[in-house]
Structures are given as C-alpha cells and as structure tokens.
Amino acid sequence: MKEISETEMYRKAAGYCAEAERCIQDVAKKIERAGLSPEAAERIIARLLHEGFINETRYCRSFVNDKLRFNKWGRIRIGAELRKKGVAAAASEPALQDIDETEYRQILFQLLKAKKQTTKGKDERDCYYKLLRFAAGRGFEPSLAGKCLRDLFNGNDYDDVVD
C-alpha cells in the first residue's frame, strides 16, 4: 500500500468534509484507514476545525434535519445516533431542541396513520400497543406517541389535533 503524506491526507480530508457535513469521528476514521499516525490525525483534525471544514454544531443541525425528515426518526433515536458518533451533548442538544414541535408531531402522526393501515392485531388495544412499540422503535417519546395514537384511534385527523 502506498504511503500517504500528512499534507496529501489533509487535502483529501478537506475534500471529504467539503462534500457534506462530517463529524470529527467520521474524519478520524478516514484518516486512520489511510494509515497515518494518531499525532498526524490530531494535527489534521485540528486544522480542519480551525479552518471551518468541520463544525459539530453545523453537523448536528444537518443530521437532525435529515434524520427527522427523511428517515422519520424521533428525538430519542437521533440523540442516540449522535452520541454513537461521539458528538458532544453541547452540540447536539440545541439542534434537537430546535426541532419544530408542530412539524415533529405531524411527522409522527402521519407515520402512525400509515402504519395503522398495515398493522393487524387481535383487537384495537393490541393494535394500539403494536403502534406504540413501533413509535418507540423509531425514537419518538412514548407520551407523545400515546397522545397521537389516542387521537388517531378516536378518529381525529392531524388538522384537528394541533395544539
């Protein structure tokens, strides 16, 4: 395998960060796979941070937005994934709190409404608990999921339930 210089790896890492938002852990893994020393990796990451290629706050906002809108994940799951990526709570908490509550509830309600169409249970109660587990698996708060399910089972459409 060809040895890569620190300068060349910096350029590659900067290009990698310019493609999309990246967290420190993603960049560190890429540098590690290239075979550079941990000291060189620290210098490269410090330079990328200093020059604004890596910004964990910006990364968190992007990550939260994408996972909520495209993957339909709740706050709990998104927060867990950010922790798994080694992102500090100081960067992730503001991004999670900035989620628009109305949009968040609407996403959950539409997700549960669609899932209810395909969920089979012995009775309505069984179906309710299956949907509650489904919402919890997606990372939505159980209290919010329960409220949305009660509204859904009472025949309310989301437009009627917005507080």
C-alpha atoms as a PDB file:
ATOM      1  CA  MET A   1       0.000   0.000   0.000  1.00  0.00           C
ATOM      2  CA  LYS A   2       1.319   3.436  -0.948  1.00  0.00           C
ATOM      3  CA  GLU A   3       2.342   5.672   1.960  1.00  0.00           C
ATOM      4  CA  ILE A   4       0.317   8.909   2.082  1.00  0.00           C
ATOM      5  CA  SER A   5       1.797  12.178   3.346  1.00  0.00           C
ATOM      6  CA  GLU A   6       0.148  14.322   6.004  1.00  0.00           C
ATOM      7  CA  THR A   7      -0.330  17.190   3.531  1.00  0.00           C
ATOM      8  CA  GLU A   8      -1.951  14.920   0.977  1.00  0.00           C
ATOM      9  CA  MET A   9      -4.240  13.427   3.634  1.00  0.00           C
ATOM     10  CA  TYR A  10      -5.200  16.934   4.752  1.00  0.00           C
ATOM     11  CA  ARG A  11      -6.260  17.782   1.192  1.00  0.00           C
ATOM     12  CA  LYS A  12      -8.256  14.556   0.914  1.00  0.00           C
ATOM     13  CA  ALA A  13      -9.910  15.135   4.298  1.00  0.00           C
ATOM     14  CA  ALA A  14     -10.760  18.730   3.382  1.00  0.00           C
ATOM     15  CA  GLY A  15     -12.376  17.490   0.162  1.00  0.00           C
ATOM     16  CA  TYR A  16     -14.256  14.835   2.122  1.00  0.00           C
ATOM     17  CA  CYS A  17     -15.585  17.497   4.509  1.00  0.00           C
ATOM     18  CA  ALA A  18     -16.471  19.827   1.644  1.00  0.00           C
ATOM     19  CA  GLU A  19     -18.757  17.178   0.068  1.00  0.00           C
ATOM     20  CA  ALA A  20     -21.094  17.028   3.068  1.00  0.00           C
ATOM     21  CA  GLU A  21     -21.174  17.855   6.770  1.00  0.00           C
ATOM     22  CA  ARG A  22     -18.917  15.483   8.734  1.00  0.00           C
ATOM     23  CA  CYS A  23     -18.290  14.926  12.408  1.00  0.00           C
ATOM     24  CA  ILE A  24     -14.843  14.520  13.932  1.00  0.00           C
ATOM     25  CA  GLN A  25     -15.284  10.746  14.306  1.00  0.00           C
ATOM     26  CA  ASP A  26     -16.048  10.275  10.572  1.00  0.00           C
ATOM     27  CA  VAL A  27     -12.924  12.199   9.573  1.00  0.00           C
ATOM     28  CA  ALA A  28     -10.770  10.451  12.179  1.00  0.00           C
ATOM     29  CA  LYS A  29     -11.839   7.032  10.842  1.00  0.00           C
ATOM     30  CA  LYS A  30     -10.954   8.059   7.292  1.00  0.00           C
ATOM     31  CA  ILE A  31      -7.515   9.279   8.382  1.00  0.00           C
ATOM     32  CA  GLU A  32      -6.950   6.120  10.430  1.00  0.00           C
ATOM     33  CA  ARG A  33      -7.780   3.923   7.413  1.00  0.00           C
ATOM     34  CA  ALA A  34      -5.115   5.807   5.448  1.00  0.00           C
ATOM     35  CA  GLY A  35      -2.557   4.626   7.996  1.00  0.00           C
ATOM     36  CA  LEU A  36      -1.388   7.941   9.431  1.00  0.00           C
ATOM     37  CA  SER A  37      -0.169   8.219  12.998  1.00  0.00           C
ATOM     38  CA  PRO A  38      -2.585   9.395  15.720  1.00  0.00           C
ATOM     39  CA  GLU A  39      -0.483  12.557  16.159  1.00  0.00           C
ATOM     40  CA  ALA A  40      -0.796  13.393  12.458  1.00  0.00           C
ATOM     41  CA  ALA A  41      -4.535  12.692  12.616  1.00  0.00           C
ATOM     42  CA  GLU A  42      -4.870  15.118  15.550  1.00  0.00           C
ATOM     43  CA  ARG A  43      -2.987  17.825  13.656  1.00  0.00           C
ATOM     44  CA  ILE A  44      -5.141  17.352  10.552  1.00  0.00           C
ATOM     45  CA  ILE A  45      -8.388  17.408  12.544  1.00  0.00           C
ATOM     46  CA  ALA A  46      -7.283  20.487  14.498  1.00  0.00           C
ATOM     47  CA  ARG A  47      -6.530  22.284  11.228  1.00  0.00           C
ATOM     48  CA  LEU A  48      -9.862  21.241   9.703  1.00  0.00           C
ATOM     49  CA  LEU A  49     -11.670  22.507  12.804  1.00  0.00           C
ATOM     50  CA  HIS A  50      -9.742  25.771  12.767  1.00  0.00           C
ATOM     51  CA  GLU A  51     -10.460  26.365   9.076  1.00  0.00           C
ATOM     52  CA  GLY A  52     -14.164  25.545   9.443  1.00  0.00           C
ATOM     53  CA  PHE A  53     -14.255  22.344   7.411  1.00  0.00           C
ATOM     54  CA  ILE A  54     -15.541  20.520  10.488  1.00  0.00           C
ATOM     55  CA  ASN A  55     -18.139  22.157  12.706  1.00  0.00           C
ATOM     56  CA  GLU A  56     -20.031  19.830  15.025  1.00  0.00           C
ATOM     57  CA  THR A  57     -22.862  22.297  15.683  1.00  0.00           C
ATOM     58  CA  ARG A  58     -23.479  22.667  11.954  1.00  0.00           C
ATOM     59  CA  TYR A  59     -23.167  18.881  11.547  1.00  0.00           C
ATOM     60  CA  CYS A  60     -25.782  18.284  14.278  1.00  0.00           C
ATOM     61  CA  ARG A  61     -28.300  20.646  12.683  1.00  0.00           C
ATOM     62  CA  SER A  62     -27.858  18.919   9.337  1.00  0.00           C
ATOM     63  CA  PHE A  63     -28.006  15.422  10.867  1.00  0.00           C
ATOM     64  CA  VAL A  64     -31.143  16.188  12.909  1.00  0.00           C
ATOM     65  CA  ASN A  65     -32.885  17.746   9.916  1.00  0.00           C
ATOM     66  CA  ASP A  66     -32.074  14.818   7.599  1.00  0.00           C
ATOM     67  CA  LYS A  67     -32.955  12.045  10.040  1.00  0.00           C
ATOM     68  CA  LEU A  68     -36.240  13.665  11.024  1.00  0.00           C
ATOM     69  CA  ARG A  69     -37.448  14.470   7.524  1.00  0.00           C
ATOM     70  CA  PHE A  70     -36.066  11.565   5.503  1.00  0.00           C
ATOM     71  CA  ASN A  71     -35.775   8.689   7.990  1.00  0.00           C
ATOM     72  CA  LYS A  72     -38.704   9.815  10.169  1.00  0.00           C
ATOM     73  CA  TRP A  73     -36.763   9.277  13.399  1.00  0.00           C
ATOM     74  CA  GLY A  74     -37.710  10.777  16.754  1.00  0.00           C
ATOM     75  CA  ARG A  75     -35.567  12.851  19.112  1.00  0.00           C
ATOM     76  CA  ILE A  76     -34.522   9.862  21.223  1.00  0.00           C
ATOM     77  CA  ARG A  77     -33.140   7.876  18.271  1.00  0.00           C
ATOM     78  CA  ILE A  78     -31.455  10.892  16.680  1.00  0.00           C
ATOM     79  CA  GLY A  79     -29.799  11.764  20.008  1.00  0.00           C
ATOM     80  CA  ALA A  80     -28.611   8.181  20.443  1.00  0.00           C
ATOM     81  CA  GLU A  81     -27.098   8.123  16.947  1.00  0.00           C
ATOM     82  CA  LEU A  82     -25.287  11.404  17.595  1.00  0.00           C
ATOM     83  CA  ARG A  83     -23.889  10.011  20.867  1.00  0.00           C
ATOM     84  CA  LYS A  84     -22.777   6.910  18.951  1.00  0.00           C
ATOM     85  CA  LYS A  85     -20.847   9.197  16.599  1.00  0.00           C
ATOM     86  CA  GLY A  86     -19.108  10.790  19.573  1.00  0.00           C
ATOM     87  CA  VAL A  87     -20.776  14.186  19.225  1.00  0.00           C
ATOM     88  CA  ALA A  88     -20.794  16.217  22.442  1.00  0.00           C
ATOM     89  CA  ALA A  89     -24.148  16.914  24.086  1.00  0.00           C
ATOM     90  CA  ALA A  90     -23.326  20.621  23.990  1.00  0.00           C
ATOM     91  CA  ALA A  91     -23.511  20.470  20.187  1.00  0.00           C
ATOM     92  CA  SER A  92     -26.405  18.020  19.825  1.00  0.00           C
ATOM     93  CA  GLU A  93     -28.876  19.294  22.439  1.00  0.00           C
ATOM     94  CA  PRO A  94     -29.526  22.701  20.818  1.00  0.00           C
ATOM     95  CA  ALA A  95     -30.109  21.030  17.452  1.00  0.00           C
ATOM     96  CA  LEU A  96     -32.590  18.578  18.982  1.00  0.00           C
ATOM     97  CA  GLN A  97     -34.399  21.373  20.818  1.00  0.00           C
ATOM     98  CA  ASP A  98     -34.679  23.433  17.620  1.00  0.00           C
ATOM     99  CA  ILE A  99     -36.995  20.842  16.041  1.00  0.00           C
ATOM    100  CA  ASP A 100     -40.304  22.496  15.185  1.00  0.00           C
ATOM    101  CA  GLU A 101     -42.836  20.864  17.520  1.00  0.00           C
ATOM    102  CA  THR A 102     -45.764  21.115  15.073  1.00  0.00           C
ATOM    103  CA  GLU A 103     -43.785  19.505  12.266  1.00  0.00           C
ATOM    104  CA  TYR A 104     -42.473  16.846  14.664  1.00  0.00           C
ATOM    105  CA  ARG A 105     -45.996  15.883  15.775  1.00  0.00           C
ATOM    106  CA  GLN A 106     -47.243  15.896  12.191  1.00  0.00           C
ATOM    107  CA  ILE A 107     -44.462  13.534  11.089  1.00  0.00           C
ATOM    108  CA  LEU A 108     -45.258  11.181  13.975  1.00  0.00           C
ATOM    109  CA  PHE A 109     -48.997  11.325  13.323  1.00  0.00           C
ATOM    110  CA  GLN A 110     -48.603  10.632   9.579  1.00  0.00           C
ATOM    111  CA  LEU A 111     -46.159   7.807  10.304  1.00  0.00           C
ATOM    112  CA  LEU A 112     -48.575   6.174  12.774  1.00  0.00           C
ATOM    113  CA  LYS A 113     -51.537   6.729  10.474  1.00  0.00           C
ATOM    114  CA  ALA A 114     -49.753   4.940   7.604  1.00  0.00           C
ATOM    115  CA  LYS A 115     -48.535   2.122   9.861  1.00  0.00           C
ATOM    116  CA  LYS A 116     -52.028   1.618  11.288  1.00  0.00           C
ATOM    117  CA  GLN A 117     -53.248   0.643   7.819  1.00  0.00           C
ATOM    118  CA  THR A 118     -50.925  -2.377   7.753  1.00  0.00           C
ATOM    119  CA  THR A 119     -50.936  -3.332  11.459  1.00  0.00           C
ATOM    120  CA  LYS A 120     -53.014  -6.316  12.416  1.00  0.00           C
ATOM    121  CA  GLY A 121     -53.981  -7.127  15.960  1.00  0.00           C
ATOM    122  CA  LYS A 122     -56.498  -9.237  17.885  1.00  0.00           C
ATOM    123  CA  ASP A 123     -58.352  -6.077  18.798  1.00  0.00           C
ATOM    124  CA  GLU A 124     -57.921  -2.323  18.893  1.00  0.00           C
ATOM    125  CA  ARG A 125     -55.929  -2.448  22.116  1.00  0.00           C
ATOM    126  CA  ASP A 126     -53.435  -4.915  20.660  1.00  0.00           C
ATOM    127  CA  CYS A 127     -53.050  -2.722  17.581  1.00  0.00           C
ATOM    128  CA  TYR A 128     -52.554   0.348  19.812  1.00  0.00           C
ATOM    129  CA  TYR A 129     -49.675  -1.290  21.708  1.00  0.00           C
ATOM    130  CA  LYS A 130     -48.035  -2.514  18.499  1.00  0.00           C
ATOM    131  CA  LEU A 131     -48.107   1.026  17.134  1.00  0.00           C
ATOM    132  CA  LEU A 132     -46.777   2.397  20.427  1.00  0.00           C
ATOM    133  CA  ARG A 133     -43.822  -0.019  20.224  1.00  0.00           C
ATOM    134  CA  PHE A 134     -43.304   0.975  16.580  1.00  0.00           C
ATOM    135  CA  ALA A 135     -43.122   4.679  17.528  1.00  0.00           C
ATOM    136  CA  ALA A 136     -40.735   3.914  20.401  1.00  0.00           C
ATOM    137  CA  GLY A 137     -38.524   1.946  17.992  1.00  0.00           C
ATOM    138  CA  ARG A 138     -38.361   4.990  15.755  1.00  0.00           C
ATOM    139  CA  GLY A 139     -37.226   7.044  18.733  1.00  0.00           C
ATOM    140  CA  PHE A 140     -40.348   9.062  19.496  1.00  0.00           C
ATOM    141  CA  GLU A 141     -41.243   9.893  23.077  1.00  0.00           C
ATOM    142  CA  PRO A 142     -43.829   7.407  24.440  1.00  0.00           C
ATOM    143  CA  SER A 143     -46.017  10.162  25.908  1.00  0.00           C
ATOM    144  CA  LEU A 144     -46.246  11.979  22.571  1.00  0.00           C
ATOM    145  CA  ALA A 145     -46.810   8.720  20.694  1.00  0.00           C
ATOM    146  CA  GLY A 146     -49.596   7.796  23.120  1.00  0.00           C
ATOM    147  CA  LYS A 147     -51.288  11.150  22.590  1.00  0.00           C
ATOM    148  CA  CYS A 148     -51.072  10.827  18.801  1.00  0.00           C
ATOM    149  CA  LEU A 149     -52.411   7.266  18.969  1.00  0.00           C
ATOM    150  CA  ARG A 150     -55.348   8.298  21.146  1.00  0.00           C
ATOM    151  CA  ASP A 151     -56.194  10.990  18.628  1.00  0.00           C
ATOM    152  CA  LEU A 152     -55.788   8.528  15.761  1.00  0.00           C
ATOM    153  CA  PHE A 153     -57.972   5.874  17.391  1.00  0.00           C
ATOM    154  CA  ASN A 154     -60.620   8.484  18.252  1.00  0.00           C
ATOM    155  CA  GLY A 155     -60.918   9.321  14.566  1.00  0.00           C
ATOM    156  CA  ASN A 156     -59.283  12.743  14.736  1.00  0.00           C
ATOM    157  CA  ASP A 157     -57.200  13.832  11.786  1.00  0.00           C
ATOM    158  CA  TYR A 158     -53.997  15.745  12.466  1.00  0.00           C
ATOM    159  CA  ASP A 159     -55.537  19.084  11.495  1.00  0.00           C
ATOM    160  CA  ASP A 160     -57.944  18.699  14.428  1.00  0.00           C
ATOM    161  CA  VAL A 161     -55.198  17.862  16.950  1.00  0.00           C
ATOM    162  CA  VAL A 162     -52.601  20.626  16.537  1.00  0.00           C
ATOM    163  CA  ASP A 163     -52.188  22.463  19.835  1.00  0.00           C
END
